[in-house]
Amino acid sequence: MESPILVEVLRGDVVESVHRGVIAVVDAEGNSVFERGDTTRAIFPRSAVKAIQALPFIESGAADAFGFGRREIALACASHSGEPEHAELARAMVAKAGLDESAYECGAHWPMEQKPALALAATGAKPNQFHNNCSGKHAGFLCTCAHKGISTEGYVTAGHEIQQMAAAALEEVTGACLEADQCGIDGCSIPTYAVPIRNLAQGFARLATGSGLPEKRFEAARRIFDACMSEPFYVAGTDRADTKMMQAGKGRIFTKTGAEGVFCAAIPELGLGIALKCDDGATRGAEVMVAQTLARLLPEGDDLRAELEVQARPELKNWRGIKVGALRPSSALTQ
């Protein structure tokens, strides 16, 4: 089954390129609300499920034990831009647990956005593991280990207790069976499991509503959603899609990007979860898909719907700042 064209890339008024993809919008009971493409297909959700992987950080009592608030919880779910605020908060989190960068096993890389990378280079410094876009998630893992008295050595491996806790949370929330032959290694070295897109969407609907979840898990999910929606900068960074969508939402929508064109989202007031994959792995295509999908689920006349529709149609400019084209959702998303 070939995935439908969901995004068109214009140069002038001519379609120059297209992005195909798969989208599922599902309620907490698994009822389909909107689908495009084969939503039974299993994908690696990558960083889009960090909110689920952060559940043990809250449920274990680690976040409260170290006095963490919304910013730290948001950072534990982040794929951040490596801006100074992100790196310093990750450093401060593990310091409260009596740890430092040497405990990290995610690897170092330059900030993935151009501005913070150039700013860091201008100081003459080199990136460390706190600049890794997953350093907040790893801070959550390390702090949970410290709080529970678990050794942090090898904490990124599938057999380590913290990764088993994260996998168990993913399995319960999504209802998917995580098979060893469907496990890969993520960019930050932790295990990543392929999950059907429809299951991912239902999982985020469950997080938003609590349906099918133990009370303690739902309470943790509510704290995570509240933190991310309140502090979206710490989930992503300056001018990032997650930041802009959640800022516009003002507590009404949760979104989280993942590598290779994946997005998961939720609209708590509607009890709906969203999962999607841009087939070619393009972030630009996935951002249009999620913004338009969120918009179409909201009522006509809703200011948030109007703002998301604008975000679903970004302009393309050349290096002189001249508008040369745009991205737009295809008729498969708008009709």
C-alpha atoms as a PDB file:
ATOM      1  CA  MET A   1       0.000   0.000   0.000  1.00  0.00           C
ATOM      2  CA  GLU A   2       1.616   3.234  -1.151  1.00  0.00           C
ATOM      3  CA  SER A   3       1.302   6.079   1.301  1.00  0.00           C
ATOM      4  CA  PRO A   4      -0.686   9.090   0.048  1.00  0.00           C
ATOM      5  CA  ILE A   5       0.861  12.436  -0.779  1.00  0.00           C
ATOM      6  CA  LEU A   6       0.201  14.591   2.272  1.00  0.00           C
ATOM      7  CA  VAL A   7       2.455  17.616   1.678  1.00  0.00           C
ATOM      8  CA  GLU A   8       3.323  19.565  -1.457  1.00  0.00           C
ATOM      9  CA  VAL A   9       6.415  21.733  -1.845  1.00  0.00           C
ATOM     10  CA  LEU A  10       5.944  24.690  -4.153  1.00  0.00           C
ATOM     11  CA  ARG A  11       8.500  26.734  -6.050  1.00  0.00           C
ATOM     12  CA  GLY A  12       6.538  29.694  -7.277  1.00  0.00           C
ATOM     13  CA  ASP A  13       3.146  28.197  -8.013  1.00  0.00           C
ATOM     14  CA  VAL A  14       4.479  24.873  -9.289  1.00  0.00           C
ATOM     15  CA  VAL A  15       4.685  21.709  -7.193  1.00  0.00           C
ATOM     16  CA  GLU A  16       8.383  20.847  -7.105  1.00  0.00           C
ATOM     17  CA  SER A  17       8.421  18.037  -4.542  1.00  0.00           C
ATOM     18  CA  VAL A  18       6.016  16.012  -2.409  1.00  0.00           C
ATOM     19  CA  HIS A  19       6.076  14.183   0.907  1.00  0.00           C
ATOM     20  CA  ARG A  20       4.112  10.986   1.443  1.00  0.00           C
ATOM     21  CA  GLY A  21       3.107   9.771   4.854  1.00  0.00           C
ATOM     22  CA  VAL A  22       0.832   7.952   7.248  1.00  0.00           C
ATOM     23  CA  ILE A  23      -1.402   9.511   9.928  1.00  0.00           C
ATOM     24  CA  ALA A  24      -3.619   8.043  12.639  1.00  0.00           C
ATOM     25  CA  VAL A  25      -5.979   9.960  14.913  1.00  0.00           C
ATOM     26  CA  VAL A  26      -7.464   7.620  17.506  1.00  0.00           C
ATOM     27  CA  ASP A  27      -9.411   7.925  20.763  1.00  0.00           C
ATOM     28  CA  ALA A  28      -8.443   6.182  23.991  1.00  0.00           C
ATOM     29  CA  GLU A  29     -10.657   3.180  23.214  1.00  0.00           C
ATOM     30  CA  GLY A  30      -8.940   2.658  19.877  1.00  0.00           C
ATOM     31  CA  ASN A  31     -11.681   4.073  17.674  1.00  0.00           C
ATOM     32  CA  SER A  32     -10.349   5.675  14.504  1.00  0.00           C
ATOM     33  CA  VAL A  33     -11.262   9.317  13.950  1.00  0.00           C
ATOM     34  CA  PHE A  34      -9.054  10.102  10.949  1.00  0.00           C
ATOM     35  CA  GLU A  35      -6.557   7.977   9.042  1.00  0.00           C
ATOM     36  CA  ARG A  36      -4.386   8.275   5.980  1.00  0.00           C
ATOM     37  CA  GLY A  37      -2.223   5.411   4.774  1.00  0.00           C
ATOM     38  CA  ASP A  38      -1.508   2.075   6.447  1.00  0.00           C
ATOM     39  CA  THR A  39      -1.764   2.847  10.153  1.00  0.00           C
ATOM     40  CA  THR A  40      -1.089  -0.772  11.141  1.00  0.00           C
ATOM     41  CA  ARG A  41       2.480  -0.305   9.938  1.00  0.00           C
ATOM     42  CA  ALA A  42       5.111  -0.449  12.685  1.00  0.00           C
ATOM     43  CA  ILE A  43       7.571   2.441  12.885  1.00  0.00           C
ATOM     44  CA  PHE A  44      10.363   3.462  15.209  1.00  0.00           C
ATOM     45  CA  PRO A  45       8.815   6.390  17.130  1.00  0.00           C
ATOM     46  CA  ARG A  46      12.246   7.626  18.169  1.00  0.00           C
ATOM     47  CA  SER A  47      12.068  10.736  20.364  1.00  0.00           C
ATOM     48  CA  ALA A  48       8.326  11.208  19.858  1.00  0.00           C
ATOM     49  CA  VAL A  49       7.685   8.901  22.850  1.00  0.00           C
ATOM     50  CA  LYS A  50       9.931  10.655  25.359  1.00  0.00           C
ATOM     51  CA  ALA A  51       6.873  11.609  27.417  1.00  0.00           C
ATOM     52  CA  ILE A  52       6.180   7.890  27.865  1.00  0.00           C
ATOM     53  CA  GLN A  53       9.828   7.110  28.630  1.00  0.00           C
ATOM     54  CA  ALA A  54       9.711   9.819  31.325  1.00  0.00           C
ATOM     55  CA  LEU A  55       6.849   8.171  33.232  1.00  0.00           C
ATOM     56  CA  PRO A  56       9.180   6.200  35.583  1.00  0.00           C
ATOM     57  CA  PHE A  57      11.019   9.466  36.374  1.00  0.00           C
ATOM     58  CA  ILE A  58       7.758  10.780  37.872  1.00  0.00           C
ATOM     59  CA  GLU A  59       6.274   7.531  39.182  1.00  0.00           C
ATOM     60  CA  SER A  60       9.432   6.516  41.048  1.00  0.00           C
ATOM     61  CA  GLY A  61       9.375   9.757  43.053  1.00  0.00           C
ATOM     62  CA  ALA A  62      12.718  10.875  41.610  1.00  0.00           C
ATOM     63  CA  ALA A  63      11.408  14.180  40.237  1.00  0.00           C
ATOM     64  CA  ASP A  64       9.917  15.124  43.597  1.00  0.00           C
ATOM     65  CA  ALA A  65      12.873  13.829  45.615  1.00  0.00           C
ATOM     66  CA  PHE A  66      15.233  16.205  43.804  1.00  0.00           C
ATOM     67  CA  GLY A  67      12.797  19.119  43.873  1.00  0.00           C
ATOM     68  CA  PHE A  68      12.238  19.277  40.128  1.00  0.00           C
ATOM     69  CA  GLY A  69       9.490  21.410  38.651  1.00  0.00           C
ATOM     70  CA  ARG A  70       7.928  21.917  35.253  1.00  0.00           C
ATOM     71  CA  ARG A  71      11.121  22.951  33.463  1.00  0.00           C
ATOM     72  CA  GLU A  72      13.050  19.880  34.559  1.00  0.00           C
ATOM     73  CA  ILE A  73      10.142  17.572  33.700  1.00  0.00           C
ATOM     74  CA  ALA A  74       9.800  19.230  30.282  1.00  0.00           C
ATOM     75  CA  LEU A  75      13.535  18.820  29.673  1.00  0.00           C
ATOM     76  CA  ALA A  76      13.253  15.120  30.539  1.00  0.00           C
ATOM     77  CA  CYS A  77      10.906  14.859  27.513  1.00  0.00           C
ATOM     78  CA  ALA A  78      12.966  17.100  25.244  1.00  0.00           C
ATOM     79  CA  SER A  79      14.725  16.943  21.930  1.00  0.00           C
ATOM     80  CA  HIS A  80      16.248  20.316  22.621  1.00  0.00           C
ATOM     81  CA  SER A  81      18.344  22.639  20.496  1.00  0.00           C
ATOM     82  CA  GLY A  82      21.391  22.624  22.765  1.00  0.00           C
ATOM     83  CA  GLU A  83      20.933  26.248  23.766  1.00  0.00           C
ATOM     84  CA  PRO A  84      22.700  27.379  26.970  1.00  0.00           C
ATOM     85  CA  GLU A  85      19.505  27.096  29.023  1.00  0.00           C
ATOM     86  CA  HIS A  86      19.059  23.473  27.961  1.00  0.00           C
ATOM     87  CA  ALA A  87      22.627  22.390  28.641  1.00  0.00           C
ATOM     88  CA  GLU A  88      22.811  24.156  31.996  1.00  0.00           C
ATOM     89  CA  LEU A  89      19.518  22.729  33.218  1.00  0.00           C
ATOM     90  CA  ALA A  90      20.617  19.199  32.307  1.00  0.00           C
ATOM     91  CA  ARG A  91      23.856  19.805  34.199  1.00  0.00           C
ATOM     92  CA  ALA A  92      21.957  21.090  37.238  1.00  0.00           C
ATOM     93  CA  MET A  93      19.584  18.112  37.215  1.00  0.00           C
ATOM     94  CA  VAL A  94      22.273  15.439  37.431  1.00  0.00           C
ATOM     95  CA  ALA A  95      24.252  17.537  39.910  1.00  0.00           C
ATOM     96  CA  LYS A  96      21.306  17.297  42.320  1.00  0.00           C
ATOM     97  CA  ALA A  97      21.648  13.532  42.052  1.00  0.00           C
ATOM     98  CA  GLY A  98      25.364  13.759  42.845  1.00  0.00           C
ATOM     99  CA  LEU A  99      26.378  13.043  39.257  1.00  0.00           C
ATOM    100  CA  ASP A 100      28.190  14.849  36.468  1.00  0.00           C
ATOM    101  CA  GLU A 101      28.793  14.511  32.739  1.00  0.00           C
ATOM    102  CA  SER A 102      30.938  11.426  33.214  1.00  0.00           C
ATOM    103  CA  ALA A 103      27.785   9.444  34.068  1.00  0.00           C
ATOM    104  CA  TYR A 104      26.263  10.173  30.662  1.00  0.00           C
ATOM    105  CA  GLU A 105      26.286   7.537  27.922  1.00  0.00           C
ATOM    106  CA  CYS A 106      24.514   9.452  25.133  1.00  0.00           C
ATOM    107  CA  GLY A 107      27.552  10.977  23.411  1.00  0.00           C
ATOM    108  CA  ALA A 108      28.343  14.596  22.577  1.00  0.00           C
ATOM    109  CA  HIS A 109      27.414  16.546  19.466  1.00  0.00           C
ATOM    110  CA  TRP A 110      27.174  20.145  18.355  1.00  0.00           C
ATOM    111  CA  PRO A 111      23.801  21.808  18.914  1.00  0.00           C
ATOM    112  CA  MET A 112      21.586  20.743  16.017  1.00  0.00           C
ATOM    113  CA  GLU A 113      20.303  24.261  15.316  1.00  0.00           C
ATOM    114  CA  GLN A 114      22.640  26.689  13.558  1.00  0.00           C
ATOM    115  CA  LYS A 115      22.428  29.661  15.945  1.00  0.00           C
ATOM    116  CA  PRO A 116      23.307  27.856  19.187  1.00  0.00           C
ATOM    117  CA  ALA A 117      26.019  25.873  17.394  1.00  0.00           C
ATOM    118  CA  LEU A 118      27.649  29.063  16.085  1.00  0.00           C
ATOM    119  CA  ALA A 119      27.302  30.745  19.479  1.00  0.00           C
ATOM    120  CA  LEU A 120      29.043  27.827  21.186  1.00  0.00           C
ATOM    121  CA  ALA A 121      31.799  27.753  18.567  1.00  0.00           C
ATOM    122  CA  ALA A 122      32.347  31.495  18.996  1.00  0.00           C
ATOM    123  CA  THR A 123      33.299  30.924  22.643  1.00  0.00           C
ATOM    124  CA  GLY A 124      36.028  28.501  21.604  1.00  0.00           C
ATOM    125  CA  ALA A 125      34.346  25.713  23.551  1.00  0.00           C
ATOM    126  CA  LYS A 126      33.571  22.241  22.278  1.00  0.00           C
ATOM    127  CA  PRO A 127      30.217  20.511  22.773  1.00  0.00           C
ATOM    128  CA  ASN A 128      29.808  18.060  25.603  1.00  0.00           C
ATOM    129  CA  GLN A 129      27.104  15.546  26.398  1.00  0.00           C
ATOM    130  CA  PHE A 130      24.894  18.208  27.981  1.00  0.00           C
ATOM    131  CA  HIS A 131      24.537  19.694  24.477  1.00  0.00           C
ATOM    132  CA  ASN A 132      23.188  16.392  23.159  1.00  0.00           C
ATOM    133  CA  ASN A 133      19.577  16.980  22.194  1.00  0.00           C
ATOM    134  CA  CYS A 134      18.601  14.037  24.422  1.00  0.00           C
ATOM    135  CA  SER A 135      20.532  15.173  27.507  1.00  0.00           C
ATOM    136  CA  GLY A 136      17.337  15.988  29.397  1.00  0.00           C
ATOM    137  CA  LYS A 137      15.913  12.507  28.865  1.00  0.00           C
ATOM    138  CA  HIS A 138      19.196  11.027  30.027  1.00  0.00           C
ATOM    139  CA  ALA A 139      19.149  13.310  33.070  1.00  0.00           C
ATOM    140  CA  GLY A 140      15.762  11.816  33.886  1.00  0.00           C
ATOM    141  CA  PHE A 141      17.121   8.280  33.518  1.00  0.00           C
ATOM    142  CA  LEU A 142      20.181   9.037  35.665  1.00  0.00           C
ATOM    143  CA  CYS A 143      18.208  10.796  38.387  1.00  0.00           C
ATOM    144  CA  THR A 144      15.749   7.900  38.539  1.00  0.00           C
ATOM    145  CA  CYS A 145      18.635   5.464  38.928  1.00  0.00           C
ATOM    146  CA  ALA A 146      20.208   7.579  41.661  1.00  0.00           C
ATOM    147  CA  HIS A 147      16.931   7.884  43.538  1.00  0.00           C
ATOM    148  CA  LYS A 148      16.248   4.139  43.375  1.00  0.00           C
ATOM    149  CA  GLY A 149      19.828   3.138  44.183  1.00  0.00           C
ATOM    150  CA  ILE A 150      20.372   1.518  40.785  1.00  0.00           C
ATOM    151  CA  SER A 151      23.828   1.515  39.217  1.00  0.00           C
ATOM    152  CA  THR A 152      24.045   3.956  36.327  1.00  0.00           C
ATOM    153  CA  GLU A 153      26.666   1.939  34.487  1.00  0.00           C
ATOM    154  CA  GLY A 154      25.294   0.714  31.179  1.00  0.00           C
ATOM    155  CA  TYR A 155      21.979   2.478  31.769  1.00  0.00           C
ATOM    156  CA  VAL A 156      21.418   2.831  28.006  1.00  0.00           C
ATOM    157  CA  THR A 157      21.367  -0.918  27.346  1.00  0.00           C
ATOM    158  CA  ALA A 158      18.169  -2.897  26.858  1.00  0.00           C
ATOM    159  CA  GLY A 159      18.911  -5.136  29.833  1.00  0.00           C
ATOM    160  CA  HIS A 160      19.343  -2.291  32.324  1.00  0.00           C
ATOM    161  CA  GLU A 161      16.514  -1.798  34.819  1.00  0.00           C
ATOM    162  CA  ILE A 162      15.795   1.795  33.759  1.00  0.00           C
ATOM    163  CA  GLN A 163      15.358   0.781  30.109  1.00  0.00           C
ATOM    164  CA  GLN A 164      13.172  -2.129  31.125  1.00  0.00           C
ATOM    165  CA  MET A 165      10.994   0.331  33.067  1.00  0.00           C
ATOM    166  CA  ALA A 166      10.769   2.618  30.035  1.00  0.00           C
ATOM    167  CA  ALA A 167       9.922  -0.291  27.727  1.00  0.00           C
ATOM    168  CA  ALA A 168       7.245  -1.569  30.109  1.00  0.00           C
ATOM    169  CA  ALA A 169       5.673   1.899  30.174  1.00  0.00           C
ATOM    170  CA  LEU A 170       5.656   2.051  26.363  1.00  0.00           C
ATOM    171  CA  GLU A 171       4.118  -1.406  26.151  1.00  0.00           C
ATOM    172  CA  GLU A 172       1.338  -0.649  28.638  1.00  0.00           C
ATOM    173  CA  VAL A 173       0.480   2.784  27.264  1.00  0.00           C
ATOM    174  CA  THR A 174       0.363   1.748  23.599  1.00  0.00           C
ATOM    175  CA  GLY A 175      -0.871  -1.815  24.035  1.00  0.00           C
ATOM    176  CA  ALA A 176       1.820  -2.968  21.603  1.00  0.00           C
ATOM    177  CA  CYS A 177       3.975  -6.027  22.231  1.00  0.00           C
ATOM    178  CA  LEU A 178       7.613  -4.942  22.077  1.00  0.00           C
ATOM    179  CA  GLU A 179       9.532  -7.690  20.325  1.00  0.00           C
ATOM    180  CA  ALA A 180      13.311  -8.108  20.484  1.00  0.00           C
ATOM    181  CA  ASP A 181      13.504  -8.462  16.701  1.00  0.00           C
ATOM    182  CA  GLN A 182      11.733  -5.092  16.392  1.00  0.00           C
ATOM    183  CA  CYS A 183      14.277  -3.302  18.582  1.00  0.00           C
ATOM    184  CA  GLY A 184      16.958  -0.948  17.290  1.00  0.00           C
ATOM    185  CA  ILE A 185      19.405   1.495  18.852  1.00  0.00           C
ATOM    186  CA  ASP A 186      18.424   5.151  18.929  1.00  0.00           C
ATOM    187  CA  GLY A 187      20.725   8.065  18.149  1.00  0.00           C
ATOM    188  CA  CYS A 188      21.396   8.578  21.866  1.00  0.00           C
ATOM    189  CA  SER A 189      22.201   4.852  22.344  1.00  0.00           C
ATOM    190  CA  ILE A 190      19.034   3.705  24.149  1.00  0.00           C
ATOM    191  CA  PRO A 191      16.762   0.966  22.722  1.00  0.00           C
ATOM    192  CA  THR A 192      13.994   2.020  20.334  1.00  0.00           C
ATOM    193  CA  TYR A 193      11.114  -0.319  19.519  1.00  0.00           C
ATOM    194  CA  ALA A 194       8.962  -0.389  16.384  1.00  0.00           C
ATOM    195  CA  VAL A 195       5.298   0.196  17.248  1.00  0.00           C
ATOM    196  CA  PRO A 196       2.241   0.313  14.949  1.00  0.00           C
ATOM    197  CA  ILE A 197       1.241   3.903  14.199  1.00  0.00           C
ATOM    198  CA  ARG A 198      -2.340   3.327  15.349  1.00  0.00           C
ATOM    199  CA  ASN A 199      -1.082   2.020  18.708  1.00  0.00           C
ATOM    200  CA  LEU A 200       1.059   5.113  19.166  1.00  0.00           C
ATOM    201  CA  ALA A 201      -1.927   7.363  18.526  1.00  0.00           C
ATOM    202  CA  GLN A 202      -4.073   5.419  20.986  1.00  0.00           C
ATOM    203  CA  GLY A 203      -1.276   5.591  23.545  1.00  0.00           C
ATOM    204  CA  PHE A 204      -1.252   9.375  23.445  1.00  0.00           C
ATOM    205  CA  ALA A 205      -5.035   9.442  23.748  1.00  0.00           C
ATOM    206  CA  ARG A 206      -4.687   7.279  26.858  1.00  0.00           C
ATOM    207  CA  LEU A 207      -2.080   9.633  28.310  1.00  0.00           C
ATOM    208  CA  ALA A 208      -4.458  12.544  27.697  1.00  0.00           C
ATOM    209  CA  THR A 209      -7.517  10.885  29.235  1.00  0.00           C
ATOM    210  CA  GLY A 210      -6.224   8.238  31.627  1.00  0.00           C
ATOM    211  CA  SER A 211      -8.486   5.647  30.031  1.00  0.00           C
ATOM    212  CA  GLY A 212      -7.017   2.176  30.537  1.00  0.00           C
ATOM    213  CA  LEU A 213      -4.185   3.446  32.743  1.00  0.00           C
ATOM    214  CA  PRO A 214      -3.634   2.995  36.487  1.00  0.00           C
ATOM    215  CA  GLU A 215      -4.391   6.144  38.471  1.00  0.00           C
ATOM    216  CA  LYS A 216      -0.736   6.688  39.397  1.00  0.00           C
ATOM    217  CA  ARG A 217       0.337   6.465  35.759  1.00  0.00           C
ATOM    218  CA  PHE A 218      -2.365   8.902  34.644  1.00  0.00           C
ATOM    219  CA  GLU A 219      -1.339  11.367  37.341  1.00  0.00           C
ATOM    220  CA  ALA A 220       2.274  11.142  36.106  1.00  0.00           C
ATOM    221  CA  ALA A 221       1.091  11.640  32.522  1.00  0.00           C
ATOM    222  CA  ARG A 222      -0.892  14.730  33.509  1.00  0.00           C
ATOM    223  CA  ARG A 223       2.170  16.224  35.192  1.00  0.00           C
ATOM    224  CA  ILE A 224       4.279  15.517  32.112  1.00  0.00           C
ATOM    225  CA  PHE A 225       1.752  17.024  29.693  1.00  0.00           C
ATOM    226  CA  ASP A 226       1.287  20.054  31.952  1.00  0.00           C
ATOM    227  CA  ALA A 227       5.046  20.605  32.183  1.00  0.00           C
ATOM    228  CA  CYS A 228       5.608  20.316  28.445  1.00  0.00           C
ATOM    229  CA  MET A 229       2.668  22.527  27.506  1.00  0.00           C
ATOM    230  CA  SER A 230       3.712  25.114  30.129  1.00  0.00           C
ATOM    231  CA  GLU A 231       7.417  25.101  29.236  1.00  0.00           C
ATOM    232  CA  PRO A 232       7.634  24.248  25.515  1.00  0.00           C
ATOM    233  CA  PHE A 233      10.984  26.018  25.099  1.00  0.00           C
ATOM    234  CA  TYR A 234      12.537  23.312  27.281  1.00  0.00           C
ATOM    235  CA  VAL A 235      10.946  20.600  25.116  1.00  0.00           C
ATOM    236  CA  ALA A 236      12.481  22.002  21.936  1.00  0.00           C
ATOM    237  CA  GLY A 237      13.965  25.501  21.705  1.00  0.00           C
ATOM    238  CA  THR A 238      13.822  28.814  19.909  1.00  0.00           C
ATOM    239  CA  ASP A 239      11.650  28.801  16.759  1.00  0.00           C
ATOM    240  CA  ARG A 240      11.189  25.025  16.870  1.00  0.00           C
ATOM    241  CA  ALA A 241       7.881  23.492  15.765  1.00  0.00           C
ATOM    242  CA  ASP A 242       7.038  21.916  19.134  1.00  0.00           C
ATOM    243  CA  THR A 243       7.726  25.222  20.862  1.00  0.00           C
ATOM    244  CA  LYS A 244       5.575  27.233  18.460  1.00  0.00           C
ATOM    245  CA  MET A 245       2.639  24.813  18.425  1.00  0.00           C
ATOM    246  CA  MET A 246       2.471  24.396  22.189  1.00  0.00           C
ATOM    247  CA  GLN A 247       2.954  28.116  22.779  1.00  0.00           C
ATOM    248  CA  ALA A 248       0.013  28.767  20.452  1.00  0.00           C
ATOM    249  CA  GLY A 249      -1.979  26.050  22.205  1.00  0.00           C
ATOM    250  CA  LYS A 250      -1.649  27.581  25.678  1.00  0.00           C
ATOM    251  CA  GLY A 251      -2.230  24.275  27.395  1.00  0.00           C
ATOM    252  CA  ARG A 252      -4.646  22.804  24.853  1.00  0.00           C
ATOM    253  CA  ILE A 253      -2.321  20.657  22.718  1.00  0.00           C
ATOM    254  CA  PHE A 254       0.725  18.474  23.321  1.00  0.00           C
ATOM    255  CA  THR A 255       3.177  17.726  20.512  1.00  0.00           C
ATOM    256  CA  LYS A 256       6.488  15.906  20.299  1.00  0.00           C
ATOM    257  CA  THR A 257       8.722  15.360  17.314  1.00  0.00           C
ATOM    258  CA  GLY A 258      10.908  12.363  16.651  1.00  0.00           C
ATOM    259  CA  ALA A 259      13.710  11.695  14.190  1.00  0.00           C
ATOM    260  CA  GLU A 260      13.004  10.471  10.666  1.00  0.00           C
ATOM    261  CA  GLY A 261       9.786  12.412  10.199  1.00  0.00           C
ATOM    262  CA  VAL A 262       7.792  11.135  13.181  1.00  0.00           C
ATOM    263  CA  PHE A 263       5.361  13.166  15.287  1.00  0.00           C
ATOM    264  CA  CYS A 264       3.051  12.270  18.141  1.00  0.00           C
ATOM    265  CA  ALA A 265       0.494  14.630  19.646  1.00  0.00           C
ATOM    266  CA  ALA A 266      -2.621  14.847  21.790  1.00  0.00           C
ATOM    267  CA  ILE A 267      -5.630  17.113  22.203  1.00  0.00           C
ATOM    268  CA  PRO A 268      -6.741  16.452  25.796  1.00  0.00           C
ATOM    269  CA  GLU A 269     -10.019  18.392  25.495  1.00  0.00           C
ATOM    270  CA  LEU A 270     -11.072  16.055  22.671  1.00  0.00           C
ATOM    271  CA  GLY A 271      -9.516  12.914  24.141  1.00  0.00           C
ATOM    272  CA  LEU A 272      -7.600  12.251  20.923  1.00  0.00           C
ATOM    273  CA  GLY A 273      -4.099  11.030  20.181  1.00  0.00           C
ATOM    274  CA  ILE A 274      -2.171  11.527  16.939  1.00  0.00           C
ATOM    275  CA  ALA A 275       0.773   9.667  15.438  1.00  0.00           C
ATOM    276  CA  LEU A 276       2.297  10.148  12.019  1.00  0.00           C
ATOM    277  CA  LYS A 277       5.292   9.342   9.885  1.00  0.00           C
ATOM    278  CA  CYS A 278       6.601  11.291   6.907  1.00  0.00           C
ATOM    279  CA  ASP A 279       7.858   8.425   4.750  1.00  0.00           C
ATOM    280  CA  ASP A 280      11.041  10.088   3.521  1.00  0.00           C
ATOM    281  CA  GLY A 281      12.026  11.118   7.045  1.00  0.00           C
ATOM    282  CA  ALA A 282      11.780  14.844   6.321  1.00  0.00           C
ATOM    283  CA  THR A 283      11.102  16.976   9.371  1.00  0.00           C
ATOM    284  CA  ARG A 284       9.621  19.755   7.240  1.00  0.00           C
ATOM    285  CA  GLY A 285       7.006  17.390   5.871  1.00  0.00           C
ATOM    286  CA  ALA A 286       6.124  15.979   9.293  1.00  0.00           C
ATOM    287  CA  GLU A 287       5.702  19.472  10.747  1.00  0.00           C
ATOM    288  CA  VAL A 288       3.145  20.398   8.090  1.00  0.00           C
ATOM    289  CA  MET A 289       1.323  17.104   8.613  1.00  0.00           C
ATOM    290  CA  VAL A 290       0.971  17.480  12.374  1.00  0.00           C
ATOM    291  CA  ALA A 291      -0.010  21.152  12.285  1.00  0.00           C
ATOM    292  CA  GLN A 292      -2.727  20.551   9.683  1.00  0.00           C
ATOM    293  CA  THR A 293      -4.003  17.417  11.431  1.00  0.00           C
ATOM    294  CA  LEU A 294      -4.316  19.274  14.726  1.00  0.00           C
ATOM    295  CA  ALA A 295      -6.041  22.177  12.961  1.00  0.00           C
ATOM    296  CA  ARG A 296      -8.640  20.029  11.202  1.00  0.00           C
ATOM    297  CA  LEU A 297      -9.695  18.453  14.505  1.00  0.00           C
ATOM    298  CA  LEU A 298     -10.534  21.831  16.059  1.00  0.00           C
ATOM    299  CA  PRO A 299     -13.786  23.696  15.317  1.00  0.00           C
ATOM    300  CA  GLU A 300     -14.157  26.368  12.658  1.00  0.00           C
ATOM    301  CA  GLY A 301     -13.613  29.814  14.110  1.00  0.00           C
ATOM    302  CA  ASP A 302     -11.212  28.576  16.794  1.00  0.00           C
ATOM    303  CA  ASP A 303      -8.219  30.936  16.988  1.00  0.00           C
ATOM    304  CA  LEU A 304      -5.887  28.011  17.640  1.00  0.00           C
ATOM    305  CA  ARG A 305      -7.115  26.285  14.486  1.00  0.00           C
ATOM    306  CA  ALA A 306      -6.329  29.409  12.481  1.00  0.00           C
ATOM    307  CA  GLU A 307      -2.831  29.677  13.958  1.00  0.00           C
ATOM    308  CA  LEU A 308      -2.056  26.018  13.263  1.00  0.00           C
ATOM    309  CA  GLU A 309      -3.252  26.386   9.664  1.00  0.00           C
ATOM    310  CA  VAL A 310      -0.731  29.207   9.249  1.00  0.00           C
ATOM    311  CA  GLN A 311       2.020  27.016  10.699  1.00  0.00           C
ATOM    312  CA  ALA A 312       1.015  24.268   8.248  1.00  0.00           C
ATOM    313  CA  ARG A 313       1.837  26.554   5.316  1.00  0.00           C
ATOM    314  CA  PRO A 314       5.372  27.886   5.936  1.00  0.00           C
ATOM    315  CA  GLU A 315       7.028  30.092   3.352  1.00  0.00           C
ATOM    316  CA  LEU A 316      10.317  29.098   1.734  1.00  0.00           C
ATOM    317  CA  LYS A 317      12.901  31.849   1.296  1.00  0.00           C
ATOM    318  CA  ASN A 318      16.308  31.897  -0.342  1.00  0.00           C
ATOM    319  CA  TRP A 319      19.526  33.192   1.212  1.00  0.00           C
ATOM    320  CA  ARG A 320      18.599  36.775   0.297  1.00  0.00           C
ATOM    321  CA  GLY A 321      15.325  36.489   2.147  1.00  0.00           C
ATOM    322  CA  ILE A 322      13.251  36.408  -1.046  1.00  0.00           C
ATOM    323  CA  LYS A 323      10.153  34.216  -0.937  1.00  0.00           C
ATOM    324  CA  VAL A 324      10.615  31.431  -3.479  1.00  0.00           C
ATOM    325  CA  GLY A 325       7.834  29.046  -2.536  1.00  0.00           C
ATOM    326  CA  ALA A 326       5.998  27.351   0.306  1.00  0.00           C
ATOM    327  CA  LEU A 327       4.893  24.085   1.815  1.00  0.00           C
ATOM    328  CA  ARG A 328       1.213  23.208   1.992  1.00  0.00           C
ATOM    329  CA  PRO A 329      -0.910  20.248   3.043  1.00  0.00           C
ATOM    330  CA  SER A 330      -2.335  18.271   0.139  1.00  0.00           C
ATOM    331  CA  SER A 331      -6.045  17.728  -0.466  1.00  0.00           C
ATOM    332  CA  ALA A 332      -5.690  14.401   1.360  1.00  0.00           C
ATOM    333  CA  LEU A 333      -5.204  16.402   4.549  1.00  0.00           C
ATOM    334  CA  THR A 334      -7.536  19.318   3.937  1.00  0.00           C
ATOM    335  CA  GLN A 335     -10.638  17.517   2.648  1.00  0.00           C
END
